[in-house]
């Protein structure tokens, strides 16, 4: 019975360490890419274009509109 308890303990430790390492690797990759949670939901995000009609998305500031206009010139 002692051998089984040791096996279960080692299994639990290895799974816990694996999850921790996976989290840290994912967190580090997230920091490295510069993409933060909620980035693509923000109206000022660069992923949202004005489209062909030139109308700005709802909620975008005048500052950001000017910035994008300068980029296209």
Protein backbone atom coordinates (compact mmCIF):
# COMPACT_ATOMS: atom_id res chain seq x y z
CA UNK A 1 0.00 0.00 0.00
CA UNK A 2 2.92 2.36 0.70
CA UNK A 3 4.19 1.92 -2.84
CA UNK A 4 0.81 2.91 -4.26
CA UNK A 5 0.62 6.04 -2.10
CA UNK A 6 4.11 7.06 -3.27
CA UNK A 7 3.08 6.46 -6.89
CA UNK A 8 -0.04 8.61 -6.45
CA UNK A 9 1.98 11.35 -4.77
CA UNK A 10 4.56 11.37 -7.58
CA UNK A 11 1.78 11.45 -10.18
CA UNK A 12 0.10 14.37 -8.42
CA UNK A 13 3.37 16.29 -8.15
CA UNK A 14 4.24 15.70 -11.81
CA UNK A 15 0.79 16.85 -13.00
CA UNK A 16 0.93 19.94 -10.78
CA UNK A 17 4.42 20.85 -11.98
CA UNK A 18 3.36 20.27 -15.61
CA UNK A 19 0.37 22.60 -15.26
CA UNK A 20 2.51 25.23 -13.57
CA UNK A 21 5.15 25.06 -16.31
CA UNK A 22 2.50 25.21 -19.04
CA UNK A 23 0.95 28.27 -17.41
CA UNK A 24 4.31 30.02 -17.11
CA UNK A 25 5.23 29.27 -20.72
CA UNK A 26 1.86 30.58 -21.92
CA UNK A 27 2.12 33.66 -19.74
CA UNK A 28 5.62 34.35 -21.02
CA UNK A 29 4.45 33.96 -24.63
CA UNK A 30 1.59 36.36 -23.95
CA UNK A 31 3.97 38.99 -22.61
CA UNK A 32 6.30 38.48 -25.56
CA UNK A 33 3.58 39.07 -28.15
CA UNK A 34 2.29 42.22 -26.50
CA UNK A 35 -1.32 41.15 -26.87
CA UNK A 36 -3.25 41.71 -23.66
CA UNK A 37 -6.65 40.33 -22.70
CA UNK A 38 -9.43 42.50 -24.13
CA UNK A 39 -7.18 44.02 -26.81
CA UNK A 40 -9.29 43.00 -29.77
CA UNK A 41 -12.52 44.06 -28.08
CA UNK A 42 -11.28 47.66 -27.69
CA UNK A 43 -12.59 50.07 -30.33
CA UNK A 44 -9.15 51.72 -30.64
CA UNK A 45 -7.41 48.45 -31.47
CA UNK A 46 -5.52 48.32 -34.73
CA UNK A 47 -7.38 45.17 -35.70
CA UNK A 48 -10.48 47.23 -36.40
CA UNK A 49 -10.33 49.03 -39.71
CA UNK A 50 -12.56 51.79 -40.99
CA UNK A 51 -13.51 49.74 -44.02
CA UNK A 52 -13.95 50.98 -47.56
CA UNK A 53 -16.59 53.57 -46.71
CA UNK A 54 -14.20 55.41 -44.37
CA UNK A 55 -16.55 55.41 -41.38
CA UNK A 56 -14.85 54.89 -38.03
CA UNK A 57 -16.03 52.10 -35.77
CA UNK A 58 -18.30 53.11 -32.90
CA UNK A 59 -16.43 54.31 -29.84
CA UNK A 60 -13.15 55.26 -31.54
CA UNK A 61 -11.68 58.56 -30.37
CA UNK A 62 -10.94 61.50 -32.64
CA UNK A 63 -7.27 61.12 -31.73
CA UNK A 64 -7.21 57.56 -33.05
CA UNK A 65 -9.11 58.58 -36.20
CA UNK A 66 -6.46 61.21 -36.93
CA UNK A 67 -3.72 58.68 -36.24
CA UNK A 68 -5.16 56.22 -38.75
CA UNK A 69 -5.71 58.98 -41.33
CA UNK A 70 -2.02 59.93 -41.02
CA UNK A 71 -1.02 56.31 -41.56
CA UNK A 72 -2.94 56.08 -44.81
CA UNK A 73 -1.38 59.23 -46.28
